């Protein structure tokens, strides 16, 4: 049980590192939460005029998700299958939860897209590559990053579950929970989409 606690605490703390908030605070002496949508993620950082910091935020947020899964996988080697597989899946979910609800910012964090991407790449790289291709295609066609993020997340889940030979319900639920959380966090985007006021890619917030 202590292995589970260690892995999940590491996953949450990694996820809770507010990359975008820290980068903007350090390099621009600003609070990104007061700019644009108020989100600490890569899209809002880029729209604030700091495209380089936005790209770095995307990389660091994805890295958090990737590392959490890799670390959990390493620790899980001490467990017996299928418990090891379950721990890795849960760590992937927990790191996204950490990003969305970081303890350092009063549990008000990002939307989890980039961190989920890192988790997906560590979980199932081929499925993640397909999801990235879908994301890019949807952005190209609609110019809506929010729509592309949501669609790509569910595409990943469908492919990952369909190609998972172990088919553990617990793991499948962890797969599904991530895009559901991301969708709930996009509630304001969904409202703006319905109202026709959602920002398009390339525009400033």
C-alpha atoms as a PDB file:
ATOM      1  CA  UNK A   1       0.000   0.000   0.000  1.00  0.00           C
ATOM      2  CA  UNK A   2       2.889   2.392   0.729  1.00  0.00           C
ATOM      3  CA  UNK A   3       3.962   2.121  -2.927  1.00  0.00           C
ATOM      4  CA  UNK A   4       0.514   3.316  -3.997  1.00  0.00           C
ATOM      5  CA  UNK A   5       0.671   6.253  -1.581  1.00  0.00           C
ATOM      6  CA  UNK A   6       4.139   7.294  -2.736  1.00  0.00           C
ATOM      7  CA  UNK A   7       3.254   7.058  -6.426  1.00  0.00           C
ATOM      8  CA  UNK A   8      -0.017   8.938  -6.087  1.00  0.00           C
ATOM      9  CA  UNK A   9       1.413  11.692  -3.870  1.00  0.00           C
ATOM     10  CA  UNK A  10       4.217  12.208  -6.385  1.00  0.00           C
ATOM     11  CA  UNK A  11       1.666  12.292  -9.212  1.00  0.00           C
ATOM     12  CA  UNK A  12      -0.502  14.880  -7.475  1.00  0.00           C
ATOM     13  CA  UNK A  13       2.416  17.117  -6.490  1.00  0.00           C
ATOM     14  CA  UNK A  14       3.851  16.967 -10.011  1.00  0.00           C
ATOM     15  CA  UNK A  15       0.478  17.851 -11.472  1.00  0.00           C
ATOM     16  CA  UNK A  16      -0.013  20.718  -9.051  1.00  0.00           C
ATOM     17  CA  UNK A  17       3.108  22.585 -10.221  1.00  0.00           C
ATOM     18  CA  UNK A  18       1.534  25.651 -11.939  1.00  0.00           C
ATOM     19  CA  UNK A  19       3.943  25.931 -14.865  1.00  0.00           C
ATOM     20  CA  UNK A  20       2.168  28.720 -16.734  1.00  0.00           C
ATOM     21  CA  UNK A  21       1.587  30.774 -13.605  1.00  0.00           C
ATOM     22  CA  UNK A  22       5.236  30.493 -12.533  1.00  0.00           C
ATOM     23  CA  UNK A  23       6.677  31.230 -15.970  1.00  0.00           C
ATOM     24  CA  UNK A  24       4.617  34.387 -16.466  1.00  0.00           C
ATOM     25  CA  UNK A  25       5.306  35.506 -12.906  1.00  0.00           C
ATOM     26  CA  UNK A  26       9.070  34.976 -13.264  1.00  0.00           C
ATOM     27  CA  UNK A  27       9.603  36.341 -16.766  1.00  0.00           C
ATOM     28  CA  UNK A  28       6.894  38.995 -17.042  1.00  0.00           C
ATOM     29  CA  UNK A  29       6.180  39.825 -13.399  1.00  0.00           C
ATOM     30  CA  UNK A  30       2.473  39.299 -14.076  1.00  0.00           C
ATOM     31  CA  UNK A  31      -0.274  37.071 -12.726  1.00  0.00           C
ATOM     32  CA  UNK A  32      -1.624  35.135 -15.725  1.00  0.00           C
ATOM     33  CA  UNK A  33      -4.859  34.618 -13.810  1.00  0.00           C
ATOM     34  CA  UNK A  34      -5.676  38.293 -14.380  1.00  0.00           C
ATOM     35  CA  UNK A  35      -5.173  38.064 -18.141  1.00  0.00           C
ATOM     36  CA  UNK A  36      -7.554  36.828 -20.834  1.00  0.00           C
ATOM     37  CA  UNK A  37      -9.557  33.820 -19.684  1.00  0.00           C
ATOM     38  CA  UNK A  38      -7.677  33.739 -16.383  1.00  0.00           C
ATOM     39  CA  UNK A  39      -6.537  30.199 -17.061  1.00  0.00           C
ATOM     40  CA  UNK A  40      -2.956  29.195 -16.226  1.00  0.00           C
ATOM     41  CA  UNK A  41      -2.621  26.893 -19.244  1.00  0.00           C
ATOM     42  CA  UNK A  42      -0.554  27.208 -22.405  1.00  0.00           C
ATOM     43  CA  UNK A  43      -3.320  28.661 -24.588  1.00  0.00           C
ATOM     44  CA  UNK A  44      -4.002  31.627 -22.309  1.00  0.00           C
ATOM     45  CA  UNK A  45      -0.284  32.215 -21.736  1.00  0.00           C
ATOM     46  CA  UNK A  46       0.261  32.348 -25.503  1.00  0.00           C
ATOM     47  CA  UNK A  47      -2.738  34.624 -26.028  1.00  0.00           C
ATOM     48  CA  UNK A  48      -1.380  37.030 -23.439  1.00  0.00           C
ATOM     49  CA  UNK A  49       1.371  37.836 -25.933  1.00  0.00           C
ATOM     50  CA  UNK A  50       3.991  35.448 -24.597  1.00  0.00           C
ATOM     51  CA  UNK A  51       3.984  32.765 -27.295  1.00  0.00           C
ATOM     52  CA  UNK A  52       7.377  31.441 -26.244  1.00  0.00           C
ATOM     53  CA  UNK A  53       6.205  31.048 -22.669  1.00  0.00           C
ATOM     54  CA  UNK A  54       3.025  29.453 -23.974  1.00  0.00           C
ATOM     55  CA  UNK A  55       5.029  26.814 -25.833  1.00  0.00           C
ATOM     56  CA  UNK A  56       7.177  26.208 -22.758  1.00  0.00           C
ATOM     57  CA  UNK A  57       4.070  25.921 -20.600  1.00  0.00           C
ATOM     58  CA  UNK A  58       2.672  23.310 -22.978  1.00  0.00           C
ATOM     59  CA  UNK A  59       5.904  21.328 -22.804  1.00  0.00           C
ATOM     60  CA  UNK A  60       6.236  21.495 -19.013  1.00  0.00           C
ATOM     61  CA  UNK A  61       2.579  20.665 -18.361  1.00  0.00           C
ATOM     62  CA  UNK A  62       2.807  17.662 -20.692  1.00  0.00           C
ATOM     63  CA  UNK A  63       6.084  16.632 -19.068  1.00  0.00           C
ATOM     64  CA  UNK A  64       4.359  16.549 -15.664  1.00  0.00           C
ATOM     65  CA  UNK A  65       1.851  14.013 -16.928  1.00  0.00           C
ATOM     66  CA  UNK A  66       4.474  11.930 -18.676  1.00  0.00           C
ATOM     67  CA  UNK A  67       6.800  11.821 -15.664  1.00  0.00           C
ATOM     68  CA  UNK A  68       4.022  10.922 -13.237  1.00  0.00           C
ATOM     69  CA  UNK A  69       3.175   7.832 -15.288  1.00  0.00           C
ATOM     70  CA  UNK A  70       6.830   6.859 -15.788  1.00  0.00           C
ATOM     71  CA  UNK A  71       7.552   7.163 -12.058  1.00  0.00           C
ATOM     72  CA  UNK A  72       4.429   5.197 -11.148  1.00  0.00           C
ATOM     73  CA  UNK A  73       5.393   2.511 -13.663  1.00  0.00           C
ATOM     74  CA  UNK A  74       8.837   2.230 -12.084  1.00  0.00           C
ATOM     75  CA  UNK A  75       7.408   1.967  -8.557  1.00  0.00           C
ATOM     76  CA  UNK A  76       4.715  -0.461  -9.700  1.00  0.00           C
ATOM     77  CA  UNK A  77       7.330  -3.007 -10.751  1.00  0.00           C
ATOM     78  CA  UNK A  78       7.369  -4.053  -7.109  1.00  0.00           C
ATOM     79  CA  UNK A  79       3.681  -4.972  -7.277  1.00  0.00           C
ATOM     80  CA  UNK A  80       2.011  -8.031  -8.721  1.00  0.00           C
ATOM     81  CA  UNK A  81       0.029  -7.727 -11.952  1.00  0.00           C
ATOM     82  CA  UNK A  82      -2.677  -6.485 -12.476  1.00  0.00           C
ATOM     83  CA  UNK A  83      -2.172  -4.203  -9.446  1.00  0.00           C
ATOM     84  CA  UNK A  84       0.820  -2.577 -11.120  1.00  0.00           C
ATOM     85  CA  UNK A  85      -1.268  -1.736 -14.190  1.00  0.00           C
ATOM     86  CA  UNK A  86      -3.984  -0.226 -12.018  1.00  0.00           C
ATOM     87  CA  UNK A  87      -1.504   1.962 -10.131  1.00  0.00           C
ATOM     88  CA  UNK A  88      -0.035   3.362 -13.346  1.00  0.00           C
ATOM     89  CA  UNK A  89      -3.527   4.174 -14.658  1.00  0.00           C
ATOM     90  CA  UNK A  90      -4.568   5.849 -11.416  1.00  0.00           C
ATOM     91  CA  UNK A  91      -1.356   7.890 -11.291  1.00  0.00           C
ATOM     92  CA  UNK A  92      -2.201   9.225 -14.743  1.00  0.00           C
ATOM     93  CA  UNK A  93      -5.591  10.346 -13.507  1.00  0.00           C
ATOM     94  CA  UNK A  94      -4.210  11.837 -10.294  1.00  0.00           C
ATOM     95  CA  UNK A  95      -1.583  13.979 -12.044  1.00  0.00           C
ATOM     96  CA  UNK A  96      -4.339  15.543 -14.155  1.00  0.00           C
ATOM     97  CA  UNK A  97      -6.385  16.130 -11.004  1.00  0.00           C
ATOM     98  CA  UNK A  98      -3.330  17.804  -9.487  1.00  0.00           C
ATOM     99  CA  UNK A  99      -3.071  20.136 -12.469  1.00  0.00           C
ATOM    100  CA  UNK A 100      -6.754  21.049 -12.383  1.00  0.00           C
ATOM    101  CA  UNK A 101      -6.868  21.378  -8.581  1.00  0.00           C
ATOM    102  CA  UNK A 102      -3.378  22.497  -7.448  1.00  0.00           C
ATOM    103  CA  UNK A 103      -2.952  22.974  -3.724  1.00  0.00           C
ATOM    104  CA  UNK A 104      -0.602  25.922  -4.308  1.00  0.00           C
ATOM    105  CA  UNK A 105      -3.254  28.031  -6.081  1.00  0.00           C
ATOM    106  CA  UNK A 106      -6.219  27.333  -3.859  1.00  0.00           C
ATOM    107  CA  UNK A 107      -7.221  24.313  -5.958  1.00  0.00           C
ATOM    108  CA  UNK A 108      -7.897  26.526  -8.996  1.00  0.00           C
ATOM    109  CA  UNK A 109      -5.667  25.373 -11.811  1.00  0.00           C
ATOM    110  CA  UNK A 110      -5.663  24.704 -15.518  1.00  0.00           C
ATOM    111  CA  UNK A 111      -7.948  22.689 -17.725  1.00  0.00           C
ATOM    112  CA  UNK A 112      -5.729  19.619 -17.880  1.00  0.00           C
ATOM    113  CA  UNK A 113      -5.284  19.301 -21.641  1.00  0.00           C
ATOM    114  CA  UNK A 114      -1.486  19.435 -21.852  1.00  0.00           C
ATOM    115  CA  UNK A 115      -1.023  17.289 -18.752  1.00  0.00           C
ATOM    116  CA  UNK A 116      -3.471  14.762 -20.163  1.00  0.00           C
ATOM    117  CA  UNK A 117      -1.436  14.734 -23.373  1.00  0.00           C
ATOM    118  CA  UNK A 118       1.666  13.786 -21.405  1.00  0.00           C
ATOM    119  CA  UNK A 119      -0.247  11.032 -19.642  1.00  0.00           C
ATOM    120  CA  UNK A 120      -1.607   9.733 -22.940  1.00  0.00           C
ATOM    121  CA  UNK A 121       1.872   9.670 -24.504  1.00  0.00           C
ATOM    122  CA  UNK A 122       3.162   7.623 -21.572  1.00  0.00           C
ATOM    123  CA  UNK A 123       0.123   5.346 -21.434  1.00  0.00           C
ATOM    124  CA  UNK A 124      -0.373   4.540 -25.104  1.00  0.00           C
ATOM    125  CA  UNK A 125       1.929   6.452 -27.497  1.00  0.00           C
ATOM    126  CA  UNK A 126       0.341   5.285 -30.749  1.00  0.00           C
ATOM    127  CA  UNK A 127      -3.164   6.153 -29.572  1.00  0.00           C
ATOM    128  CA  UNK A 128      -1.846   9.525 -28.398  1.00  0.00           C
ATOM    129  CA  UNK A 129      -0.292  10.234 -31.809  1.00  0.00           C
ATOM    130  CA  UNK A 130      -3.645   9.562 -33.473  1.00  0.00           C
ATOM    131  CA  UNK A 131      -5.331  11.877 -30.953  1.00  0.00           C
ATOM    132  CA  UNK A 132      -2.769  14.609 -31.698  1.00  0.00           C
ATOM    133  CA  UNK A 133      -3.475  14.249 -35.423  1.00  0.00           C
ATOM    134  CA  UNK A 134      -7.199  14.590 -34.713  1.00  0.00           C
ATOM    135  CA  UNK A 135      -6.523  17.646 -32.553  1.00  0.00           C
ATOM    136  CA  UNK A 136      -4.569  19.349 -35.318  1.00  0.00           C
ATOM    137  CA  UNK A 137      -7.212  18.499 -37.897  1.00  0.00           C
ATOM    138  CA  UNK A 138     -10.035  19.903 -35.778  1.00  0.00           C
ATOM    139  CA  UNK A 139      -8.072  23.092 -35.033  1.00  0.00           C
ATOM    140  CA  UNK A 140      -7.381  23.501 -38.747  1.00  0.00           C
ATOM    141  CA  UNK A 141     -11.045  23.026 -39.647  1.00  0.00           C
ATOM    142  CA  UNK A 142     -12.702  24.952 -36.822  1.00  0.00           C
ATOM    143  CA  UNK A 143      -9.983  27.203 -35.342  1.00  0.00           C
ATOM    144  CA  UNK A 144     -11.302  26.233 -31.899  1.00  0.00           C
ATOM    145  CA  UNK A 145      -8.629  24.840 -29.564  1.00  0.00           C
ATOM    146  CA  UNK A 146     -11.264  23.942 -26.977  1.00  0.00           C
ATOM    147  CA  UNK A 147     -13.263  21.818 -29.426  1.00  0.00           C
ATOM    148  CA  UNK A 148     -10.113  20.124 -30.696  1.00  0.00           C
ATOM    149  CA  UNK A 149      -8.962  19.345 -27.148  1.00  0.00           C
ATOM    150  CA  UNK A 150     -12.251  17.729 -26.188  1.00  0.00           C
ATOM    151  CA  UNK A 151     -12.613  15.721 -29.389  1.00  0.00           C
ATOM    152  CA  UNK A 152      -8.998  14.502 -29.270  1.00  0.00           C
ATOM    153  CA  UNK A 153      -9.367  13.391 -25.647  1.00  0.00           C
ATOM    154  CA  UNK A 154     -12.335  11.163 -26.389  1.00  0.00           C
ATOM    155  CA  UNK A 155     -10.705   9.828 -29.564  1.00  0.00           C
ATOM    156  CA  UNK A 156      -7.730   8.748 -27.476  1.00  0.00           C
ATOM    157  CA  UNK A 157      -9.964   6.981 -24.962  1.00  0.00           C
ATOM    158  CA  UNK A 158     -11.864   5.083 -27.643  1.00  0.00           C
ATOM    159  CA  UNK A 159      -8.685   3.905 -29.368  1.00  0.00           C
ATOM    160  CA  UNK A 160      -6.814   3.147 -26.133  1.00  0.00           C
ATOM    161  CA  UNK A 161      -9.636   1.030 -24.715  1.00  0.00           C
ATOM    162  CA  UNK A 162     -10.240  -0.734 -28.039  1.00  0.00           C
ATOM    163  CA  UNK A 163      -6.572  -1.701 -28.356  1.00  0.00           C
ATOM    164  CA  UNK A 164      -5.939  -2.529 -24.677  1.00  0.00           C
ATOM    165  CA  UNK A 165      -5.507  -6.286 -24.462  1.00  0.00           C
ATOM    166  CA  UNK A 166      -5.882  -6.404 -20.660  1.00  0.00           C
ATOM    167  CA  UNK A 167      -9.327  -4.765 -20.555  1.00  0.00           C
ATOM    168  CA  UNK A 168      -9.441  -4.018 -16.840  1.00  0.00           C
ATOM    169  CA  UNK A 169     -12.545  -2.035 -15.875  1.00  0.00           C
ATOM    170  CA  UNK A 170     -10.588   0.029 -13.338  1.00  0.00           C
ATOM    171  CA  UNK A 171      -8.084   1.082 -15.986  1.00  0.00           C
ATOM    172  CA  UNK A 172     -10.808   1.827 -18.518  1.00  0.00           C
ATOM    173  CA  UNK A 173     -12.536   4.069 -15.982  1.00  0.00           C
ATOM    174  CA  UNK A 174      -9.275   5.965 -15.426  1.00  0.00           C
ATOM    175  CA  UNK A 175      -9.011   6.419 -19.190  1.00  0.00           C
ATOM    176  CA  UNK A 176     -12.548   7.778 -19.367  1.00  0.00           C
ATOM    177  CA  UNK A 177     -12.299   9.977 -16.271  1.00  0.00           C
ATOM    178  CA  UNK A 178      -9.598  12.213 -17.743  1.00  0.00           C
ATOM    179  CA  UNK A 179     -11.518  13.601 -20.759  1.00  0.00           C
ATOM    180  CA  UNK A 180     -14.630  13.843 -18.583  1.00  0.00           C
ATOM    181  CA  UNK A 181     -12.729  16.030 -16.095  1.00  0.00           C
ATOM    182  CA  UNK A 182     -11.295  18.096 -18.949  1.00  0.00           C
ATOM    183  CA  UNK A 183     -14.794  18.545 -20.380  1.00  0.00           C
ATOM    184  CA  UNK A 184     -16.165  19.716 -17.033  1.00  0.00           C
ATOM    185  CA  UNK A 185     -13.281  22.170 -16.735  1.00  0.00           C
ATOM    186  CA  UNK A 186     -14.194  23.524 -20.180  1.00  0.00           C
ATOM    187  CA  UNK A 187     -17.702  24.507 -19.052  1.00  0.00           C
ATOM    188  CA  UNK A 188     -17.064  28.189 -19.770  1.00  0.00           C
ATOM    189  CA  UNK A 189     -15.708  27.379 -23.236  1.00  0.00           C
ATOM    190  CA  UNK A 190     -18.764  25.274 -23.978  1.00  0.00           C
ATOM    191  CA  UNK A 191     -21.033  28.144 -22.956  1.00  0.00           C
ATOM    192  CA  UNK A 192     -19.098  30.519 -25.212  1.00  0.00           C
ATOM    193  CA  UNK A 193     -19.257  28.036 -28.080  1.00  0.00           C
ATOM    194  CA  UNK A 194     -23.021  27.853 -27.721  1.00  0.00           C
ATOM    195  CA  UNK A 195     -23.195  31.654 -27.628  1.00  0.00           C
ATOM    196  CA  UNK A 196     -20.831  32.005 -30.593  1.00  0.00           C
ATOM    197  CA  UNK A 197     -18.311  34.041 -28.590  1.00  0.00           C
ATOM    198  CA  UNK A 198     -15.534  31.475 -28.117  1.00  0.00           C
ATOM    199  CA  UNK A 199     -12.043  32.718 -29.076  1.00  0.00           C
ATOM    200  CA  UNK A 200     -10.587  31.189 -32.222  1.00  0.00           C
ATOM    201  CA  UNK A 201      -7.012  30.039 -32.595  1.00  0.00           C
ATOM    202  CA  UNK A 202      -4.702  32.937 -33.436  1.00  0.00           C
ATOM    203  CA  UNK A 203      -6.897  35.569 -31.812  1.00  0.00           C
ATOM    204  CA  UNK A 204      -6.159  37.338 -28.548  1.00  0.00           C
ATOM    205  CA  UNK A 205      -8.423  36.714 -25.582  1.00  0.00           C
END
